[in-house]
Amino acid sequence: MLLCLMPPLLPSMASDLKMRTAADHILWELQNNPDMWLQVVHILSNTQSLNTKFFALQVLEGVIKYRWNVLPVEQRDGMKNYISDVIVKVWIAVVLGFSYPPFLHYYKFLYTFEI
C-alpha cells in the first residue's frame, strides 16, 4: 500500500528540494552582499516574519564579527546606537510584561560584542 503512494510523492519532493536549494542560494547571496547589512534596520522595523528577522540579525552579526574594523566610524556608531535603542525598547516591553521577543539573545550578543 505504501509503495502505491510513493511514486506521486517523489516528483513533489524533488520539486521542493529544488525550491529549497534555490532559496538557500538566494539567501546565501544576500547574506554575502557587502551592502545587505544597510537594510537590516528597515527589515527589522517593517517585517512581522520571525524568519526574516532572524535572517536580518544573522546579517548584522556577520558584519559585526567579520567586517567591523573596516566600517567607517560613523556607521559603527550608528549601529551601536541602533542596537542600544532596540535593547532598551525590548527590555522596557519585557519589564512591563508586554512581550518577550524571540531572538532577544541576538540583541544581547550584539550589544556585548567588543565594539
Protein backbone atom coordinates (compact mmCIF):
# COMPACT_ATOMS: atom_id res chain seq x y z
CA MET A 1 0.00 0.00 0.00
CA LEU A 2 2.77 2.45 0.94
CA LEU A 3 4.59 1.76 -2.33
CA CYS A 4 1.47 2.75 -4.25
CA LEU A 5 1.52 6.17 -2.58
CA MET A 6 5.23 6.87 -3.03
CA PRO A 7 5.55 7.46 -6.79
CA PRO A 8 3.24 10.51 -6.84
CA LEU A 9 5.14 11.99 -3.90
CA LEU A 10 8.59 11.69 -5.42
CA PRO A 11 8.22 14.46 -8.05
CA SER A 12 6.78 16.74 -5.37
CA MET A 13 9.72 16.03 -3.06
CA ALA A 14 12.20 16.71 -5.87
CA SER A 15 10.44 19.97 -6.68
CA ASP A 16 10.51 21.01 -3.00
CA LEU A 17 14.21 20.21 -2.82
CA LYS A 18 14.91 22.33 -5.91
CA MET A 19 12.93 25.23 -4.47
CA ARG A 20 14.71 24.94 -1.11
CA THR A 21 18.10 24.79 -2.82
CA ALA A 22 17.26 27.86 -4.89
CA ALA A 23 16.02 29.74 -1.81
CA ASP A 24 19.17 28.79 0.14
CA HIS A 25 21.32 30.06 -2.73
CA ILE A 26 19.45 33.39 -2.85
CA LEU A 27 19.74 33.85 0.93
CA TRP A 28 23.44 32.99 0.81
CA GLU A 29 23.98 35.60 -1.92
CA LEU A 30 22.05 38.21 0.06
CA GLN A 31 23.92 37.45 3.26
CA ASN A 32 27.25 37.78 1.46
CA ASN A 33 26.33 41.01 -0.28
CA PRO A 34 28.58 43.64 1.36
CA ASP A 35 25.76 46.21 1.42
CA MET A 36 22.99 43.94 2.72
CA TRP A 37 23.59 44.98 6.31
CA LEU A 38 22.46 48.51 5.41
CA GLN A 39 18.92 47.11 5.00
CA VAL A 40 18.82 45.41 8.42
CA VAL A 41 17.17 48.32 10.24
CA HIS A 42 14.46 48.53 7.59
CA ILE A 43 13.89 44.78 7.68
CA LEU A 44 13.71 44.57 11.47
CA SER A 45 11.38 47.57 11.67
CA ASN A 46 8.96 46.52 8.95
CA THR A 47 8.59 42.77 8.97
CA GLN A 48 6.46 40.57 11.17
CA SER A 49 8.12 37.37 9.95
CA LEU A 50 10.35 35.83 12.61
CA ASN A 51 12.34 34.05 9.92
CA THR A 52 13.06 37.33 8.16
CA LYS A 53 14.05 39.00 11.44
CA PHE A 54 16.34 36.08 12.23
CA PHE A 55 17.96 36.41 8.81
CA ALA A 56 18.48 40.16 9.30
CA LEU A 57 20.06 39.58 12.71
CA GLN A 58 22.39 36.98 11.20
CA VAL A 59 23.48 39.54 8.60
CA LEU A 60 24.12 42.11 11.32
CA GLU A 61 26.01 39.59 13.42
CA GLY A 62 28.23 38.73 10.46
CA VAL A 63 29.08 42.37 9.84
CA ILE A 64 29.97 42.91 13.49
CA LYS A 65 32.08 39.76 13.70
CA TYR A 66 33.92 39.97 10.41
CA ARG A 67 33.78 43.49 8.97
CA TRP A 68 33.63 45.76 12.00
CA ASN A 69 37.13 47.20 11.67
CA VAL A 70 36.70 48.16 8.03
CA LEU A 71 33.45 50.11 8.59
CA PRO A 72 33.64 53.89 8.85
CA VAL A 73 33.37 55.21 12.41
CA GLU A 74 30.04 56.90 11.62
CA GLN A 75 28.49 53.59 10.56
CA ARG A 76 29.85 51.78 13.61
CA ASP A 77 28.47 54.48 15.90
CA GLY A 78 25.11 54.37 14.13
CA MET A 79 25.00 50.59 14.53
CA LYS A 80 25.88 50.82 18.24
CA ASN A 81 23.17 53.44 18.79
CA TYR A 82 20.56 51.40 16.92
CA ILE A 83 21.35 48.22 18.84
CA SER A 84 21.30 50.09 22.17
CA ASP A 85 17.92 51.66 21.34
CA VAL A 86 16.43 48.30 20.38
CA ILE A 87 17.70 46.66 23.56
CA VAL A 88 16.20 49.42 25.71
CA LYS A 89 12.84 49.21 23.92
CA VAL A 90 12.76 45.42 24.14
CA TRP A 91 13.64 45.37 27.83
CA ILE A 92 11.02 48.01 28.62
CA ALA A 93 8.43 45.83 26.90
CA VAL A 94 9.65 42.78 28.84
CA VAL A 95 9.68 44.59 32.20
CA LEU A 96 6.19 45.95 31.63
CA GLY A 97 5.04 42.46 30.72
CA PHE A 98 4.09 43.19 27.13
CA SER A 99 6.19 40.52 25.50
CA TYR A 100 9.35 38.53 25.39
CA PRO A 101 10.51 38.80 21.80
CA PRO A 102 12.23 35.94 20.08
CA PHE A 103 15.89 36.40 19.28
CA LEU A 104 16.47 38.64 22.28
CA HIS A 105 19.72 36.75 22.84
CA TYR A 106 20.93 38.07 19.47
CA TYR A 107 20.41 41.66 20.52
CA LYS A 108 22.21 40.97 23.80
CA PHE A 109 25.06 39.31 21.91
CA LEU A 110 25.36 42.23 19.50
CA TYR A 111 25.42 44.67 22.39
CA THR A 112 28.04 42.83 24.42
CA PHE A 113 30.31 42.16 21.45
CA GLU A 114 33.60 44.00 21.77
CA ILE A 115 32.76 47.04 19.66
